[in-house]
Amino acid sequence: MSVLAMGMGALRAQQPQRPTSTPYAGDLSIFEYPDRDQKLQPQKIMDLLHVALGTTFADIGAGSGWFTVRAARRVGAKGVVFAEDINPQAIAYIQNRAAKEKLGNIKTVLGTPDDAKLPPHAVDAVLLLKVYHEIARPVPFMRGLRASLAPGARVGIVDRNGNGTDHGLNRDIVEKEMAQADYRKVGLYDFTKADGQDYFLIFEPAR
């Protein structure tokens, strides 16, 4: 390798990652506010992700399991919901919640910031609900996720426009990064919260 190439590689390694928000690690009950169903419309989200009885679904950055339990009821006893989070406290919280609500089709997964740790070729639909802006290395993360997708799988991202540090990320940045990770956009909606800031994107692997 030439000295110039080595220098360019070192420069790229030193370049800062795009701004991200610190993953939430506080009281998980804040995600259970009364009108959240009305604002985020989880059933409509699942309709568009083709989540049905028997589906294998992944909730990445599951937090309190708010969406997890709704998906678990939707996919039924023959379906599976992977509740992934990098916070061990969230994993324990969801395990307790699944036991209390008698939802035996929920499987918790302790991921890492760079790897969701989902099984290969297993997942029919994925949702990242207000968590994409926390992923520091989104392109390799989403590329790695492709190995866990079953044929025809859809990936949904719900987020809000922002600068990365304010628990939001502008939609055009998300679309650019997902294209770099070899996904193609197949849907864009703005019904979540209906505040002009939230957006819901759907992607499929480009090839």
C-alpha atoms as a PDB file:
ATOM      1  CA  MET A   1       0.000   0.000   0.000  1.00  0.00           C
ATOM      2  CA  SER A   2       1.336   3.456  -0.882  1.00  0.00           C
ATOM      3  CA  VAL A   3       2.057   6.099   1.734  1.00  0.00           C
ATOM      4  CA  LEU A   4      -0.716   8.207   0.185  1.00  0.00           C
ATOM      5  CA  ALA A   5      -3.255   5.386   0.488  1.00  0.00           C
ATOM      6  CA  MET A   6      -2.234   4.745   4.085  1.00  0.00           C
ATOM      7  CA  GLY A   7      -2.627   8.423   4.837  1.00  0.00           C
ATOM      8  CA  MET A   8      -6.092   8.555   3.282  1.00  0.00           C
ATOM      9  CA  GLY A   9      -7.133   5.484   5.263  1.00  0.00           C
ATOM     10  CA  ALA A  10      -5.966   7.085   8.491  1.00  0.00           C
ATOM     11  CA  LEU A  11      -7.832  10.275   7.609  1.00  0.00           C
ATOM     12  CA  ARG A  12     -11.060   8.385   7.027  1.00  0.00           C
ATOM     13  CA  ALA A  13     -10.618   6.570  10.329  1.00  0.00           C
ATOM     14  CA  GLN A  14     -10.250   9.900  12.135  1.00  0.00           C
ATOM     15  CA  GLN A  15     -13.299  11.504  10.528  1.00  0.00           C
ATOM     16  CA  PRO A  16     -16.088  12.021  13.051  1.00  0.00           C
ATOM     17  CA  GLN A  17     -19.225   9.920  12.830  1.00  0.00           C
ATOM     18  CA  ARG A  18     -22.430  11.782  12.143  1.00  0.00           C
ATOM     19  CA  PRO A  19     -24.086  13.210  15.270  1.00  0.00           C
ATOM     20  CA  THR A  20     -26.167  10.760  17.286  1.00  0.00           C
ATOM     21  CA  SER A  21     -28.279  10.899  20.422  1.00  0.00           C
ATOM     22  CA  THR A  22     -27.336   9.022  23.567  1.00  0.00           C
ATOM     23  CA  PRO A  23     -29.530   5.916  23.919  1.00  0.00           C
ATOM     24  CA  TYR A  24     -32.162   6.365  26.610  1.00  0.00           C
ATOM     25  CA  ALA A  25     -31.393   4.519  29.835  1.00  0.00           C
ATOM     26  CA  GLY A  26     -33.919   6.002  32.264  1.00  0.00           C
ATOM     27  CA  ASP A  27     -37.390   5.084  33.471  1.00  0.00           C
ATOM     28  CA  LEU A  28     -38.907   2.877  30.790  1.00  0.00           C
ATOM     29  CA  SER A  29     -42.468   3.576  31.864  1.00  0.00           C
ATOM     30  CA  ILE A  30     -42.345   6.976  30.092  1.00  0.00           C
ATOM     31  CA  PHE A  31     -43.028   5.136  26.818  1.00  0.00           C
ATOM     32  CA  GLU A  32     -46.455   4.036  28.064  1.00  0.00           C
ATOM     33  CA  TYR A  33     -48.253   7.403  27.885  1.00  0.00           C
ATOM     34  CA  PRO A  34     -52.013   7.053  27.305  1.00  0.00           C
ATOM     35  CA  ASP A  35     -52.408   8.488  23.801  1.00  0.00           C
ATOM     36  CA  ARG A  36     -49.313   6.903  22.244  1.00  0.00           C
ATOM     37  CA  ASP A  37     -51.429   4.435  20.255  1.00  0.00           C
ATOM     38  CA  GLN A  38     -53.422   7.314  18.804  1.00  0.00           C
ATOM     39  CA  LYS A  39     -50.300   9.298  17.926  1.00  0.00           C
ATOM     40  CA  LEU A  40     -48.098   6.535  16.492  1.00  0.00           C
ATOM     41  CA  GLN A  41     -50.824   4.244  15.084  1.00  0.00           C
ATOM     42  CA  PRO A  42     -49.034   0.903  15.600  1.00  0.00           C
ATOM     43  CA  GLN A  43     -51.713  -1.139  13.837  1.00  0.00           C
ATOM     44  CA  LYS A  44     -51.376   0.952  10.681  1.00  0.00           C
ATOM     45  CA  ILE A  45     -47.586   0.609  10.875  1.00  0.00           C
ATOM     46  CA  MET A  46     -47.943  -3.169  11.075  1.00  0.00           C
ATOM     47  CA  ASP A  47     -50.405  -3.197   8.182  1.00  0.00           C
ATOM     48  CA  LEU A  48     -47.835  -1.456   5.982  1.00  0.00           C
ATOM     49  CA  LEU A  49     -45.034  -3.773   7.126  1.00  0.00           C
ATOM     50  CA  HIS A  50     -47.253  -6.770   6.270  1.00  0.00           C
ATOM     51  CA  VAL A  51     -47.242  -8.073   9.844  1.00  0.00           C
ATOM     52  CA  ALA A  52     -49.859 -10.811  10.145  1.00  0.00           C
ATOM     53  CA  LEU A  53     -50.569 -14.068  11.959  1.00  0.00           C
ATOM     54  CA  GLY A  54     -47.481 -16.263  11.863  1.00  0.00           C
ATOM     55  CA  THR A  55     -45.085 -13.428  10.999  1.00  0.00           C
ATOM     56  CA  THR A  56     -41.615 -13.213  12.525  1.00  0.00           C
ATOM     57  CA  PHE A  57     -41.122  -9.615  13.594  1.00  0.00           C
ATOM     58  CA  ALA A  58     -38.172  -7.739  15.118  1.00  0.00           C
ATOM     59  CA  ASP A  59     -38.519  -4.662  17.321  1.00  0.00           C
ATOM     60  CA  ILE A  60     -35.037  -3.090  17.333  1.00  0.00           C
ATOM     61  CA  GLY A  61     -34.403  -0.797  20.262  1.00  0.00           C
ATOM     62  CA  ALA A  62     -37.497  -2.212  21.930  1.00  0.00           C
ATOM     63  CA  GLY A  63     -37.150  -0.207  25.147  1.00  0.00           C
ATOM     64  CA  SER A  64     -40.150  -0.932  27.383  1.00  0.00           C
ATOM     65  CA  GLY A  65     -41.635  -3.357  24.869  1.00  0.00           C
ATOM     66  CA  TRP A  66     -44.485  -0.983  24.037  1.00  0.00           C
ATOM     67  CA  PHE A  67     -44.520  -1.989  20.371  1.00  0.00           C
ATOM     68  CA  THR A  68     -43.261  -5.520  21.122  1.00  0.00           C
ATOM     69  CA  VAL A  69     -46.396  -6.585  22.979  1.00  0.00           C
ATOM     70  CA  ARG A  70     -48.668  -5.139  20.298  1.00  0.00           C
ATOM     71  CA  ALA A  71     -46.749  -7.044  17.635  1.00  0.00           C
ATOM     72  CA  ALA A  72     -46.856 -10.225  19.724  1.00  0.00           C
ATOM     73  CA  ARG A  73     -50.640 -10.083  19.886  1.00  0.00           C
ATOM     74  CA  ARG A  74     -50.771  -9.412  16.148  1.00  0.00           C
ATOM     75  CA  VAL A  75     -48.577 -12.349  15.037  1.00  0.00           C
ATOM     76  CA  GLY A  76     -50.262 -14.822  17.379  1.00  0.00           C
ATOM     77  CA  ALA A  77     -49.017 -18.049  18.893  1.00  0.00           C
ATOM     78  CA  LYS A  78     -47.481 -19.249  15.627  1.00  0.00           C
ATOM     79  CA  GLY A  79     -45.544 -16.038  15.146  1.00  0.00           C
ATOM     80  CA  VAL A  80     -42.406 -14.769  16.858  1.00  0.00           C
ATOM     81  CA  VAL A  81     -41.388 -11.309  18.028  1.00  0.00           C
ATOM     82  CA  PHE A  82     -37.726 -10.591  18.688  1.00  0.00           C
ATOM     83  CA  ALA A  83     -37.402  -7.727  21.181  1.00  0.00           C
ATOM     84  CA  GLU A  84     -33.867  -6.386  20.696  1.00  0.00           C
ATOM     85  CA  ASP A  85     -32.149  -3.788  22.821  1.00  0.00           C
ATOM     86  CA  ILE A  86     -28.582  -2.951  23.882  1.00  0.00           C
ATOM     87  CA  ASN A  87     -29.718  -2.108  27.418  1.00  0.00           C
ATOM     88  CA  PRO A  88     -29.824  -5.156  29.741  1.00  0.00           C
ATOM     89  CA  GLN A  89     -32.377  -3.356  31.925  1.00  0.00           C
ATOM     90  CA  ALA A  90     -34.722  -3.072  28.947  1.00  0.00           C
ATOM     91  CA  ILE A  91     -34.287  -6.772  28.207  1.00  0.00           C
ATOM     92  CA  ALA A  92     -35.183  -7.696  31.798  1.00  0.00           C
ATOM     93  CA  TYR A  93     -38.135  -5.298  31.728  1.00  0.00           C
ATOM     94  CA  ILE A  94     -39.527  -6.886  28.561  1.00  0.00           C
ATOM     95  CA  GLN A  95     -39.013 -10.407  29.890  1.00  0.00           C
ATOM     96  CA  ASN A  96     -41.022  -9.542  32.996  1.00  0.00           C
ATOM     97  CA  ARG A  97     -43.673  -7.836  30.907  1.00  0.00           C
ATOM     98  CA  ALA A  98     -44.035 -10.783  28.543  1.00  0.00           C
ATOM     99  CA  ALA A  99     -44.450 -13.142  31.492  1.00  0.00           C
ATOM    100  CA  LYS A 100     -47.081 -10.928  33.150  1.00  0.00           C
ATOM    101  CA  GLU A 101     -49.016 -10.526  29.907  1.00  0.00           C
ATOM    102  CA  LYS A 102     -48.632 -14.229  29.050  1.00  0.00           C
ATOM    103  CA  LEU A 103     -47.005 -13.582  25.677  1.00  0.00           C
ATOM    104  CA  GLY A 104     -44.845 -16.630  25.115  1.00  0.00           C
ATOM    105  CA  ASN A 105     -43.999 -15.691  21.522  1.00  0.00           C
ATOM    106  CA  ILE A 106     -41.639 -12.872  22.604  1.00  0.00           C
ATOM    107  CA  LYS A 107     -37.917 -13.629  22.478  1.00  0.00           C
ATOM    108  CA  THR A 108     -35.550 -11.039  23.900  1.00  0.00           C
ATOM    109  CA  VAL A 109     -32.182 -10.355  22.255  1.00  0.00           C
ATOM    110  CA  LEU A 110     -29.358  -8.371  23.855  1.00  0.00           C
ATOM    111  CA  GLY A 111     -27.705  -6.679  20.895  1.00  0.00           C
ATOM    112  CA  THR A 112     -24.678  -4.441  20.610  1.00  0.00           C
ATOM    113  CA  PRO A 113     -24.386  -0.936  19.104  1.00  0.00           C
ATOM    114  CA  ASP A 114     -23.067  -2.484  15.871  1.00  0.00           C
ATOM    115  CA  ASP A 115     -25.053  -5.742  15.683  1.00  0.00           C
ATOM    116  CA  ALA A 116     -28.684  -6.551  16.440  1.00  0.00           C
ATOM    117  CA  LYS A 117     -27.709 -10.222  16.972  1.00  0.00           C
ATOM    118  CA  LEU A 118     -30.815 -11.566  15.228  1.00  0.00           C
ATOM    119  CA  PRO A 119     -30.810 -15.082  13.759  1.00  0.00           C
ATOM    120  CA  PRO A 120     -30.050 -15.491  10.039  1.00  0.00           C
ATOM    121  CA  HIS A 121     -32.753 -15.425   7.347  1.00  0.00           C
ATOM    122  CA  ALA A 122     -35.476 -15.408  10.012  1.00  0.00           C
ATOM    123  CA  VAL A 123     -37.239 -12.054  10.119  1.00  0.00           C
ATOM    124  CA  ASP A 124     -40.184 -11.028   7.926  1.00  0.00           C
ATOM    125  CA  ALA A 125     -40.511  -7.460   9.213  1.00  0.00           C
ATOM    126  CA  VAL A 126     -38.375  -5.084  11.265  1.00  0.00           C
ATOM    127  CA  LEU A 127     -39.189  -1.820  12.995  1.00  0.00           C
ATOM    128  CA  LEU A 128     -36.855   0.829  14.393  1.00  0.00           C
ATOM    129  CA  LEU A 129     -39.208   3.073  16.349  1.00  0.00           C
ATOM    130  CA  LYS A 130     -37.537   6.366  17.319  1.00  0.00           C
ATOM    131  CA  VAL A 131     -34.140   4.657  17.576  1.00  0.00           C
ATOM    132  CA  TYR A 132     -32.364   5.095  14.230  1.00  0.00           C
ATOM    133  CA  HIS A 133     -30.924   8.448  15.341  1.00  0.00           C
ATOM    134  CA  GLU A 134     -29.082   6.618  18.164  1.00  0.00           C
ATOM    135  CA  ILE A 135     -27.140   4.295  15.846  1.00  0.00           C
ATOM    136  CA  ALA A 136     -23.610   5.682  15.532  1.00  0.00           C
ATOM    137  CA  ARG A 137     -22.574   3.462  12.587  1.00  0.00           C
ATOM    138  CA  PRO A 138     -25.853   3.017  10.721  1.00  0.00           C
ATOM    139  CA  VAL A 139     -24.514   1.805   7.365  1.00  0.00           C
ATOM    140  CA  PRO A 140     -22.612  -1.245   8.682  1.00  0.00           C
ATOM    141  CA  PHE A 141     -25.391  -1.882  11.210  1.00  0.00           C
ATOM    142  CA  MET A 142     -28.084  -1.984   8.543  1.00  0.00           C
ATOM    143  CA  ARG A 143     -25.884  -3.974   6.169  1.00  0.00           C
ATOM    144  CA  GLY A 144     -25.403  -6.551   8.908  1.00  0.00           C
ATOM    145  CA  LEU A 145     -29.150  -6.667   9.488  1.00  0.00           C
ATOM    146  CA  ARG A 146     -29.687  -7.864   5.927  1.00  0.00           C
ATOM    147  CA  ALA A 147     -28.350 -11.301   6.893  1.00  0.00           C
ATOM    148  CA  SER A 148     -31.280 -11.710   9.303  1.00  0.00           C
ATOM    149  CA  LEU A 149     -33.984 -10.878   6.760  1.00  0.00           C
ATOM    150  CA  ALA A 150     -36.183 -13.504   5.160  1.00  0.00           C
ATOM    151  CA  PRO A 151     -37.080 -13.158   1.459  1.00  0.00           C
ATOM    152  CA  GLY A 152     -39.509 -10.287   0.953  1.00  0.00           C
ATOM    153  CA  ALA A 153     -38.801  -8.732   4.346  1.00  0.00           C
ATOM    154  CA  ARG A 154     -39.590  -5.096   5.016  1.00  0.00           C
ATOM    155  CA  VAL A 155     -37.736  -2.686   7.301  1.00  0.00           C
ATOM    156  CA  GLY A 156     -39.625   0.227   8.821  1.00  0.00           C
ATOM    157  CA  ILE A 157     -38.091   3.329  10.393  1.00  0.00           C
ATOM    158  CA  VAL A 158     -40.161   5.794  12.400  1.00  0.00           C
ATOM    159  CA  ASP A 159     -38.263   8.913  13.415  1.00  0.00           C
ATOM    160  CA  ARG A 160     -38.499  12.682  13.435  1.00  0.00           C
ATOM    161  CA  ASN A 161     -36.538  15.342  11.637  1.00  0.00           C
ATOM    162  CA  GLY A 162     -33.615  16.606  13.677  1.00  0.00           C
ATOM    163  CA  ASN A 163     -29.866  17.106  13.761  1.00  0.00           C
ATOM    164  CA  GLY A 164     -28.940  13.741  15.249  1.00  0.00           C
ATOM    165  CA  THR A 165     -28.262  15.000  18.757  1.00  0.00           C
ATOM    166  CA  ASP A 166     -31.854  16.025  19.544  1.00  0.00           C
ATOM    167  CA  HIS A 167     -33.435  12.565  19.301  1.00  0.00           C
ATOM    168  CA  GLY A 168     -34.210  13.026  15.645  1.00  0.00           C
ATOM    169  CA  LEU A 169     -32.491  12.832  12.265  1.00  0.00           C
ATOM    170  CA  ASN A 170     -33.490  14.468   9.015  1.00  0.00           C
ATOM    171  CA  ARG A 171     -35.244  12.089   6.665  1.00  0.00           C
ATOM    172  CA  ASP A 172     -32.914  12.740   3.739  1.00  0.00           C
ATOM    173  CA  ILE A 173     -29.940  11.548   5.807  1.00  0.00           C
ATOM    174  CA  VAL A 174     -31.745   8.331   6.711  1.00  0.00           C
ATOM    175  CA  GLU A 175     -32.615   7.709   3.062  1.00  0.00           C
ATOM    176  CA  LYS A 176     -29.005   8.349   1.990  1.00  0.00           C
ATOM    177  CA  GLU A 177     -27.570   6.007   4.614  1.00  0.00           C
ATOM    178  CA  MET A 178     -30.061   3.257   3.842  1.00  0.00           C
ATOM    179  CA  ALA A 179     -29.164   3.482   0.155  1.00  0.00           C
ATOM    180  CA  GLN A 180     -25.500   3.130   1.113  1.00  0.00           C
ATOM    181  CA  ALA A 181     -26.461   0.022   3.087  1.00  0.00           C
ATOM    182  CA  ASP A 182     -28.061  -1.425  -0.085  1.00  0.00           C
ATOM    183  CA  TYR A 183     -31.735  -0.862   0.674  1.00  0.00           C
ATOM    184  CA  ARG A 184     -34.337   0.720  -1.578  1.00  0.00           C
ATOM    185  CA  LYS A 185     -37.166   2.863  -0.304  1.00  0.00           C
ATOM    186  CA  VAL A 186     -40.612   1.442  -1.010  1.00  0.00           C
ATOM    187  CA  GLY A 187     -42.774   3.671   1.176  1.00  0.00           C
ATOM    188  CA  LEU A 188     -42.935   7.101   2.806  1.00  0.00           C
ATOM    189  CA  TYR A 189     -45.719   8.155   5.188  1.00  0.00           C
ATOM    190  CA  ASP A 190     -46.284  11.029   7.605  1.00  0.00           C
ATOM    191  CA  PHE A 191     -49.275   9.838   9.615  1.00  0.00           C
ATOM    192  CA  THR A 192     -47.379   9.171  12.857  1.00  0.00           C
ATOM    193  CA  LYS A 193     -48.083  12.029  15.282  1.00  0.00           C
ATOM    194  CA  ALA A 194     -49.184  14.148  12.287  1.00  0.00           C
ATOM    195  CA  ASP A 195     -46.948  16.953  13.520  1.00  0.00           C
ATOM    196  CA  GLY A 196     -45.015  17.612  10.331  1.00  0.00           C
ATOM    197  CA  GLN A 197     -41.854  16.298  11.956  1.00  0.00           C
ATOM    198  CA  ASP A 198     -42.381  12.536  12.270  1.00  0.00           C
ATOM    199  CA  TYR A 199     -41.972  10.268   9.265  1.00  0.00           C
ATOM    200  CA  PHE A 200     -42.332   6.565   8.557  1.00  0.00           C
ATOM    201  CA  LEU A 201     -40.067   5.029   5.922  1.00  0.00           C
ATOM    202  CA  ILE A 202     -40.223   1.489   4.572  1.00  0.00           C
ATOM    203  CA  PHE A 203     -37.277  -0.218   2.897  1.00  0.00           C
ATOM    204  CA  GLU A 204     -36.488  -3.537   1.256  1.00  0.00           C
ATOM    205  CA  PRO A 205     -33.073  -4.984   0.394  1.00  0.00           C
ATOM    206  CA  ALA A 206     -32.006  -3.625  -2.983  1.00  0.00           C
ATOM    207  CA  ARG A 207     -30.685  -6.995  -4.113  1.00  0.00           C
END
